[in-house]
C-alpha cells in the first residue's frame, strides 16, 4: 500500500512517515501543495495524509483537486474546530484528524483504514449537508436573512 504524506513541517512529516513505514506501508513525503499535486499525478496512492495549511498550493485546493480519485484523503491538521472538520469533509476528505502529533497506534489504525477495514465515506455535494443526509435539502435560511 502506498501513502503520500503532504506536510510542511519536516520533523512532523518524518515522524508520520516513520510510523507508517513501521506499519509496513510504502511512504513518500512532500512539503508543499504543488509537490503533492505533482507526486499524486505521477504515482497511484492508496492514501494521502494531507496537512490543510500547506505552502505554495493550499491543502484545501489540493483536497478539492484530488477528491473523487482513487486515493483516500485523510486531513491531519491543527485546525480542530467543528467548522474546520465539516469544511475539510465538504472539500472531499474521507476523514479528518485534528492532531499534529499522531501516536504510534495512529499509524496502525491508518494502515487498517487505508486497507478498506473502514467504509469509504463521501459527504454529499454542497447542496446538502452531512448533518441533514443525502437527498435532503439544507434547512431554509431564517426569515431575517431571506
N, C-alpha and C. Protein backbone atom coordinates (compact mmCIF):
# COMPACT_ATOMS: atom_id res chain seq x y z
N UNK A 1 0.84 -1.16 0.00
CA UNK A 1 0.00 0.00 0.00
C UNK A 1 0.90 1.24 0.00
N UNK A 2 0.56 2.25 -0.83
CA UNK A 2 1.35 3.47 -0.97
C UNK A 2 0.62 4.64 -0.33
N UNK A 3 1.39 5.43 0.42
CA UNK A 3 0.86 6.59 1.11
C UNK A 3 1.70 7.80 0.75
N UNK A 4 1.03 8.91 0.47
CA UNK A 4 1.69 10.20 0.29
C UNK A 4 1.41 11.05 1.51
N UNK A 5 2.46 11.54 2.15
CA UNK A 5 2.32 12.45 3.28
C UNK A 5 2.67 13.84 2.78
N UNK A 6 1.71 14.76 2.83
CA UNK A 6 1.92 16.14 2.42
C UNK A 6 1.86 17.01 3.67
N UNK A 7 3.02 17.35 4.18
CA UNK A 7 3.15 18.08 5.46
C UNK A 7 4.35 19.02 5.36
N UNK A 8 4.15 20.32 5.67
CA UNK A 8 5.23 21.28 5.53
C UNK A 8 6.19 21.31 6.71
N UNK A 9 5.81 20.76 7.84
CA UNK A 9 6.72 20.69 8.98
C UNK A 9 7.56 19.42 8.82
N UNK A 10 8.82 19.59 8.49
CA UNK A 10 9.69 18.48 8.09
C UNK A 10 9.82 17.43 9.19
N UNK A 11 9.99 17.85 10.43
CA UNK A 11 10.15 16.89 11.54
C UNK A 11 8.87 16.07 11.72
N UNK A 12 7.73 16.74 11.70
CA UNK A 12 6.46 16.03 11.85
C UNK A 12 6.22 15.09 10.67
N UNK A 13 6.52 15.55 9.47
CA UNK A 13 6.37 14.68 8.29
C UNK A 13 7.22 13.43 8.43
N UNK A 14 8.44 13.59 8.94
CA UNK A 14 9.33 12.45 9.14
C UNK A 14 8.78 11.48 10.17
N UNK A 15 8.20 12.01 11.25
CA UNK A 15 7.62 11.14 12.29
C UNK A 15 6.42 10.37 11.75
N UNK A 16 5.58 11.05 10.98
CA UNK A 16 4.42 10.38 10.40
C UNK A 16 4.88 9.28 9.45
N UNK A 17 5.83 9.62 8.57
CA UNK A 17 6.33 8.64 7.60
C UNK A 17 6.97 7.45 8.29
N UNK A 18 7.73 7.71 9.34
CA UNK A 18 8.39 6.62 10.07
C UNK A 18 7.36 5.66 10.67
N UNK A 19 6.31 6.22 11.28
CA UNK A 19 5.27 5.38 11.86
C UNK A 19 4.54 4.55 10.82
N UNK A 20 4.27 5.16 9.66
CA UNK A 20 3.59 4.43 8.60
C UNK A 20 4.49 3.34 8.02
N UNK A 21 5.78 3.65 7.87
CA UNK A 21 6.72 2.63 7.38
C UNK A 21 6.84 1.48 8.37
N UNK A 22 6.84 1.80 9.67
CA UNK A 22 6.89 0.74 10.69
C UNK A 22 5.66 -0.16 10.61
N UNK A 23 4.54 0.41 10.11
CA UNK A 23 3.31 -0.38 9.95
C UNK A 23 3.30 -1.15 8.63
N UNK A 24 4.41 -1.05 7.87
CA UNK A 24 4.54 -1.82 6.64
C UNK A 24 4.08 -1.13 5.38
N UNK A 25 3.90 0.19 5.41
CA UNK A 25 3.43 0.91 4.25
C UNK A 25 4.58 1.58 3.51
N UNK A 26 4.44 1.73 2.20
CA UNK A 26 5.40 2.48 1.39
C UNK A 26 4.98 3.94 1.44
N UNK A 27 5.91 4.83 1.82
CA UNK A 27 5.55 6.23 2.08
C UNK A 27 6.46 7.17 1.31
N UNK A 28 5.84 8.17 0.67
CA UNK A 28 6.55 9.29 0.07
C UNK A 28 6.14 10.54 0.83
N UNK A 29 7.06 11.49 0.94
CA UNK A 29 6.80 12.73 1.68
C UNK A 29 7.06 13.92 0.78
N UNK A 30 6.15 14.88 0.79
CA UNK A 30 6.34 16.17 0.12
C UNK A 30 6.02 17.27 1.13
N UNK A 31 6.56 18.47 0.88
CA UNK A 31 6.43 19.53 1.86
C UNK A 31 5.65 20.75 1.39
N UNK A 32 5.00 20.67 0.24
CA UNK A 32 4.13 21.76 -0.18
C UNK A 32 3.03 21.22 -1.10
N UNK A 33 2.00 22.04 -1.31
CA UNK A 33 0.85 21.59 -2.08
C UNK A 33 1.13 21.33 -3.54
N UNK A 34 2.01 22.13 -4.13
CA UNK A 34 2.36 21.92 -5.53
C UNK A 34 3.04 20.57 -5.72
N UNK A 35 3.96 20.25 -4.83
CA UNK A 35 4.65 18.96 -4.90
C UNK A 35 3.67 17.81 -4.66
N UNK A 36 2.67 18.02 -3.79
CA UNK A 36 1.67 16.98 -3.54
C UNK A 36 0.87 16.69 -4.81
N UNK A 37 0.45 17.74 -5.51
CA UNK A 37 -0.31 17.55 -6.75
C UNK A 37 0.54 16.85 -7.81
N UNK A 38 1.80 17.27 -7.92
CA UNK A 38 2.70 16.66 -8.90
C UNK A 38 2.91 15.19 -8.59
N UNK A 39 3.23 14.88 -7.34
CA UNK A 39 3.51 13.49 -6.94
C UNK A 39 2.27 12.62 -7.10
N UNK A 40 1.10 13.17 -6.75
CA UNK A 40 -0.15 12.40 -6.89
C UNK A 40 -0.46 12.12 -8.36
N UNK A 41 0.01 12.98 -9.26
CA UNK A 41 -0.18 12.74 -10.68
C UNK A 41 0.77 11.71 -11.25
N UNK A 42 1.88 11.47 -10.55
CA UNK A 42 2.89 10.53 -11.03
C UNK A 42 2.74 9.13 -10.45
N UNK A 43 2.15 9.03 -9.27
CA UNK A 43 2.10 7.76 -8.55
C UNK A 43 0.67 7.47 -8.11
N UNK A 44 0.26 6.23 -8.20
CA UNK A 44 -1.07 5.83 -7.74
C UNK A 44 -1.00 5.54 -6.24
N UNK A 45 -1.51 6.46 -5.43
CA UNK A 45 -1.50 6.31 -3.98
C UNK A 45 -2.83 5.73 -3.51
N UNK A 46 -2.75 4.96 -2.43
CA UNK A 46 -3.95 4.45 -1.78
C UNK A 46 -4.49 5.47 -0.79
N UNK A 47 -3.58 6.19 -0.14
CA UNK A 47 -3.94 7.17 0.88
C UNK A 47 -3.07 8.41 0.72
N UNK A 48 -3.68 9.57 0.96
CA UNK A 48 -2.93 10.82 1.03
C UNK A 48 -3.22 11.42 2.39
N UNK A 49 -2.17 11.57 3.21
CA UNK A 49 -2.27 12.23 4.50
C UNK A 49 -1.92 13.69 4.23
N UNK A 50 -2.89 14.58 4.42
CA UNK A 50 -2.80 15.95 3.94
C UNK A 50 -2.91 16.96 5.05
N UNK A 51 -1.90 17.81 5.17
CA UNK A 51 -1.98 18.96 6.07
C UNK A 51 -2.83 20.01 5.37
N UNK A 52 -3.67 20.67 6.09
CA UNK A 52 -4.58 21.64 5.48
C UNK A 52 -3.88 22.96 5.15
N UNK A 53 -2.87 23.31 5.90
CA UNK A 53 -2.23 24.62 5.74
C UNK A 53 -0.87 24.48 5.06
N UNK A 54 -0.85 24.00 3.82
CA UNK A 54 0.39 23.81 3.07
C UNK A 54 0.78 25.09 2.33
N UNK A 55 2.09 25.31 2.14
CA UNK A 55 2.53 26.45 1.33
C UNK A 55 2.41 26.15 -0.17
N UNK A 56 2.59 27.14 -0.98
CA UNK A 56 2.55 27.14 -2.45
C UNK A 56 1.12 26.92 -2.94
N UNK A 57 0.58 25.72 -2.80
CA UNK A 57 -0.84 25.46 -3.08
C UNK A 57 -1.45 24.99 -1.76
N UNK A 58 -2.48 25.71 -1.30
CA UNK A 58 -3.10 25.40 -0.01
C UNK A 58 -3.67 23.98 0.00
N UNK A 59 -3.65 23.34 1.17
CA UNK A 59 -4.16 21.99 1.31
C UNK A 59 -5.62 21.85 0.90
N UNK A 60 -6.42 22.91 1.09
CA UNK A 60 -7.82 22.87 0.67
C UNK A 60 -7.92 22.67 -0.84
N UNK A 61 -7.09 23.39 -1.59
CA UNK A 61 -7.10 23.26 -3.05
C UNK A 61 -6.59 21.88 -3.47
N UNK A 62 -5.58 21.38 -2.78
CA UNK A 62 -5.07 20.04 -3.08
C UNK A 62 -6.19 19.03 -2.87
N UNK A 63 -6.92 19.15 -1.77
CA UNK A 63 -8.02 18.23 -1.48
C UNK A 63 -9.10 18.31 -2.55
N UNK A 64 -9.51 19.53 -2.90
CA UNK A 64 -10.53 19.70 -3.94
C UNK A 64 -10.11 19.04 -5.25
N UNK A 65 -8.84 19.21 -5.60
CA UNK A 65 -8.32 18.69 -6.87
C UNK A 65 -8.27 17.16 -6.87
N UNK A 66 -7.87 16.57 -5.74
CA UNK A 66 -7.66 15.12 -5.70
C UNK A 66 -8.89 14.32 -5.25
N UNK A 67 -9.87 15.01 -4.65
CA UNK A 67 -11.08 14.31 -4.17
C UNK A 67 -11.78 13.63 -5.32
N UNK A 68 -12.30 12.46 -5.07
CA UNK A 68 -13.02 11.72 -6.09
C UNK A 68 -12.12 10.76 -6.85
N UNK A 69 -10.81 10.86 -6.64
CA UNK A 69 -9.88 9.92 -7.27
C UNK A 69 -9.83 8.62 -6.50
N UNK A 70 -8.85 7.80 -6.81
CA UNK A 70 -8.73 6.50 -6.15
C UNK A 70 -8.13 6.58 -4.76
N UNK A 71 -7.37 7.62 -4.47
CA UNK A 71 -6.73 7.74 -3.15
C UNK A 71 -7.73 8.25 -2.12
N UNK A 72 -7.66 7.67 -0.93
CA UNK A 72 -8.45 8.16 0.19
C UNK A 72 -7.67 9.29 0.83
N UNK A 73 -8.34 10.37 1.20
CA UNK A 73 -7.68 11.55 1.74
C UNK A 73 -7.98 11.67 3.23
N UNK A 74 -6.92 11.71 4.01
CA UNK A 74 -7.02 11.93 5.45
C UNK A 74 -6.38 13.28 5.75
N UNK A 75 -7.17 14.24 6.20
CA UNK A 75 -6.61 15.52 6.61
C UNK A 75 -6.12 15.38 8.04
N UNK A 76 -4.86 15.68 8.24
CA UNK A 76 -4.24 15.65 9.56
C UNK A 76 -3.74 17.06 9.81
N UNK A 77 -4.42 17.78 10.68
CA UNK A 77 -4.16 19.21 10.79
C UNK A 77 -4.44 19.76 12.18
N UNK A 78 -3.87 20.91 12.47
CA UNK A 78 -4.07 21.54 13.78
C UNK A 78 -5.42 22.23 13.88
N UNK A 79 -6.07 22.51 12.75
CA UNK A 79 -7.38 23.16 12.76
C UNK A 79 -8.40 22.18 13.31
N UNK A 80 -8.83 22.39 14.57
CA UNK A 80 -9.59 21.36 15.27
C UNK A 80 -11.05 21.71 15.54
N UNK A 81 -11.50 22.87 15.10
CA UNK A 81 -12.88 23.25 15.37
C UNK A 81 -13.87 22.44 14.55
N UNK A 82 -15.11 22.42 14.99
CA UNK A 82 -16.16 21.68 14.29
C UNK A 82 -16.30 22.21 12.86
N UNK A 83 -16.28 23.54 12.70
CA UNK A 83 -16.39 24.12 11.36
C UNK A 83 -15.23 23.69 10.48
N UNK A 84 -14.03 23.58 11.07
CA UNK A 84 -12.86 23.12 10.32
C UNK A 84 -13.07 21.69 9.84
N UNK A 85 -13.56 20.84 10.72
CA UNK A 85 -13.78 19.44 10.36
C UNK A 85 -14.82 19.30 9.26
N UNK A 86 -15.95 19.98 9.44
CA UNK A 86 -17.01 19.91 8.44
C UNK A 86 -16.50 20.46 7.11
N UNK A 87 -15.77 21.58 7.16
CA UNK A 87 -15.22 22.17 5.94
C UNK A 87 -14.28 21.22 5.23
N UNK A 88 -13.41 20.54 5.97
CA UNK A 88 -12.49 19.59 5.37
C UNK A 88 -13.21 18.42 4.71
N UNK A 89 -14.25 17.92 5.36
CA UNK A 89 -15.02 16.82 4.78
C UNK A 89 -15.79 17.28 3.54
N UNK A 90 -16.30 18.50 3.58
CA UNK A 90 -17.02 19.02 2.41
C UNK A 90 -16.09 19.27 1.23
N UNK A 91 -14.80 19.48 1.49
CA UNK A 91 -13.83 19.64 0.41
C UNK A 91 -13.57 18.33 -0.31
N UNK A 92 -13.91 17.21 0.34
CA UNK A 92 -13.71 15.91 -0.28
C UNK A 92 -12.84 14.96 0.50
N UNK A 93 -12.37 15.37 1.68
CA UNK A 93 -11.57 14.46 2.51
C UNK A 93 -12.44 13.29 2.97
N UNK A 94 -11.83 12.12 3.07
CA UNK A 94 -12.55 10.94 3.56
C UNK A 94 -12.61 10.92 5.08
N UNK A 95 -11.63 11.55 5.72
CA UNK A 95 -11.63 11.64 7.17
C UNK A 95 -10.79 12.84 7.57
N UNK A 96 -10.94 13.27 8.81
CA UNK A 96 -10.30 14.50 9.29
C UNK A 96 -9.84 14.25 10.71
N UNK A 97 -8.55 14.33 10.93
CA UNK A 97 -7.99 14.09 12.26
C UNK A 97 -7.33 15.37 12.76
N UNK A 98 -7.94 16.03 13.75
CA UNK A 98 -7.37 17.28 14.26
C UNK A 98 -6.24 16.99 15.25
N UNK A 99 -5.07 16.70 14.71
CA UNK A 99 -3.94 16.37 15.57
C UNK A 99 -2.65 16.70 14.85
N UNK A 100 -1.68 17.21 15.57
CA UNK A 100 -0.38 17.47 14.99
C UNK A 100 0.66 16.45 15.46
N UNK A 101 0.27 15.58 16.38
CA UNK A 101 1.22 14.59 16.91
C UNK A 101 0.58 13.22 16.94
N UNK A 102 0.52 12.54 15.80
CA UNK A 102 -0.10 11.22 15.80
C UNK A 102 0.68 10.23 16.67
N UNK A 103 -0.05 9.39 17.36
CA UNK A 103 0.57 8.39 18.23
C UNK A 103 1.02 7.19 17.40
N UNK A 104 1.84 6.30 17.98
CA UNK A 104 2.24 5.09 17.25
C UNK A 104 1.04 4.25 16.82
N UNK A 105 -0.01 4.21 17.64
CA UNK A 105 -1.19 3.41 17.27
C UNK A 105 -1.93 4.04 16.09
N UNK A 106 -1.77 5.35 15.91
CA UNK A 106 -2.40 6.03 14.78
C UNK A 106 -1.93 5.43 13.46
N UNK A 107 -0.65 5.13 13.35
CA UNK A 107 -0.10 4.56 12.12
C UNK A 107 -0.73 3.21 11.80
N UNK A 108 -0.89 2.38 12.81
CA UNK A 108 -1.53 1.08 12.59
C UNK A 108 -3.00 1.26 12.20
N UNK A 109 -3.67 2.21 12.86
CA UNK A 109 -5.06 2.49 12.51
C UNK A 109 -5.19 3.03 11.10
N UNK A 110 -4.26 3.87 10.70
CA UNK A 110 -4.25 4.41 9.33
C UNK A 110 -4.07 3.28 8.33
N UNK A 111 -3.21 2.34 8.64
CA UNK A 111 -2.98 1.21 7.74
C UNK A 111 -4.25 0.38 7.60
N UNK A 112 -4.96 0.12 8.70
CA UNK A 112 -6.22 -0.63 8.63
C UNK A 112 -7.27 0.16 7.86
N UNK A 113 -7.36 1.46 8.14
CA UNK A 113 -8.32 2.34 7.47
C UNK A 113 -8.07 2.36 5.97
N UNK A 114 -6.82 2.50 5.59
CA UNK A 114 -6.45 2.56 4.17
C UNK A 114 -6.68 1.23 3.49
N UNK A 115 -6.57 0.14 4.24
CA UNK A 115 -6.74 -1.19 3.67
C UNK A 115 -8.19 -1.58 3.46
N UNK A 116 -9.10 -0.68 3.76
CA UNK A 116 -10.50 -0.96 3.50
C UNK A 116 -11.26 -1.51 4.68
N UNK A 117 -10.66 -1.54 5.86
CA UNK A 117 -11.36 -2.05 7.03
C UNK A 117 -12.35 -1.04 7.57
N UNK A 118 -12.34 0.14 6.98
CA UNK A 118 -13.27 1.18 7.36
C UNK A 118 -14.00 1.61 6.09
N UNK A 119 -15.31 1.70 6.12
CA UNK A 119 -16.02 2.04 4.88
C UNK A 119 -15.62 3.41 4.36
N UNK A 120 -15.47 3.50 3.05
CA UNK A 120 -15.14 4.78 2.42
C UNK A 120 -16.37 5.67 2.50
N UNK A 121 -16.16 6.88 2.95
CA UNK A 121 -17.26 7.79 3.16
C UNK A 121 -17.06 9.03 2.31
N UNK A 122 -18.05 9.40 1.58
CA UNK A 122 -18.04 10.65 0.82
C UNK A 122 -19.24 11.46 1.28
N UNK A 123 -18.98 12.68 1.65
CA UNK A 123 -20.08 13.56 2.06
C UNK A 123 -20.85 13.97 0.83
N UNK A 124 -22.14 14.29 1.01
CA UNK A 124 -22.95 14.71 -0.12
C UNK A 124 -22.42 16.02 -0.72
N UNK A 125 -22.89 16.32 -1.91
CA UNK A 125 -22.48 17.56 -2.59
C UNK A 125 -22.89 18.77 -1.77
N UNK A 126 -22.38 19.92 -2.14
CA UNK A 126 -22.59 21.15 -1.38
C UNK A 126 -24.07 21.49 -1.19
N UNK A 127 -24.96 20.98 -2.04
CA UNK A 127 -26.39 21.28 -1.92
C UNK A 127 -26.98 20.68 -0.66
N UNK A 128 -26.31 19.71 -0.06
CA UNK A 128 -26.79 19.13 1.18
C UNK A 128 -25.69 19.23 2.22
N UNK A 129 -26.01 18.86 3.40
CA UNK A 129 -25.07 18.92 4.50
C UNK A 129 -24.90 17.53 5.08
N UNK A 130 -23.73 17.20 5.64
CA UNK A 130 -23.58 15.88 6.25
C UNK A 130 -24.51 15.71 7.44
N UNK A 131 -25.08 16.79 7.93
CA UNK A 131 -25.96 16.71 9.10
C UNK A 131 -27.40 16.48 8.70
N UNK A 132 -27.78 16.77 7.44
CA UNK A 132 -29.16 16.58 7.03
C UNK A 132 -29.35 15.31 6.24
N UNK A 133 -28.27 14.73 5.70
CA UNK A 133 -28.36 13.46 4.99
C UNK A 133 -28.53 13.64 3.50
N UNK A 134 -28.22 12.59 2.75
CA UNK A 134 -28.33 12.67 1.30
C UNK A 134 -29.77 12.85 0.85
N UNK A 135 -29.93 13.67 -0.17
CA UNK A 135 -31.25 13.87 -0.73
C UNK A 135 -32.13 14.81 0.06
N UNK A 136 -31.60 15.38 1.13
CA UNK A 136 -32.38 16.29 1.96
C UNK A 136 -31.80 17.68 1.78
N UNK A 137 -32.64 18.62 1.46
CA UNK A 137 -32.18 19.99 1.27
C UNK A 137 -31.80 20.60 2.62
N UNK A 138 -30.82 21.51 2.63
CA UNK A 138 -30.46 22.16 3.87
C UNK A 138 -31.65 22.98 4.40
N UNK A 139 -31.67 23.23 5.70
CA UNK A 139 -32.77 23.99 6.26
C UNK A 139 -32.85 25.39 5.62
N UNK A 140 -34.06 25.93 5.54
CA UNK A 140 -34.24 27.26 4.96
C UNK A 140 -33.56 28.30 5.84
N UNK A 141 -33.12 29.37 5.20
CA UNK A 141 -32.50 30.47 5.94
C UNK A 141 -33.53 31.12 6.85
N UNK A 142 -33.10 31.66 7.99
CA UNK A 142 -34.05 32.35 8.87
C UNK A 142 -34.74 33.48 8.10
N UNK A 143 -35.93 33.83 8.51
CA UNK A 143 -36.73 34.84 7.84
C UNK A 143 -35.97 36.16 7.67
N UNK A 144 -35.15 36.53 8.64
CA UNK A 144 -34.42 37.79 8.57
C UNK A 144 -33.36 37.80 7.48
N UNK A 145 -32.96 36.62 6.99
CA UNK A 145 -31.88 36.52 6.03
C UNK A 145 -32.37 36.26 4.60
N UNK A 146 -33.66 36.17 4.38
CA UNK A 146 -34.19 35.84 3.05
C UNK A 146 -34.21 37.03 2.15
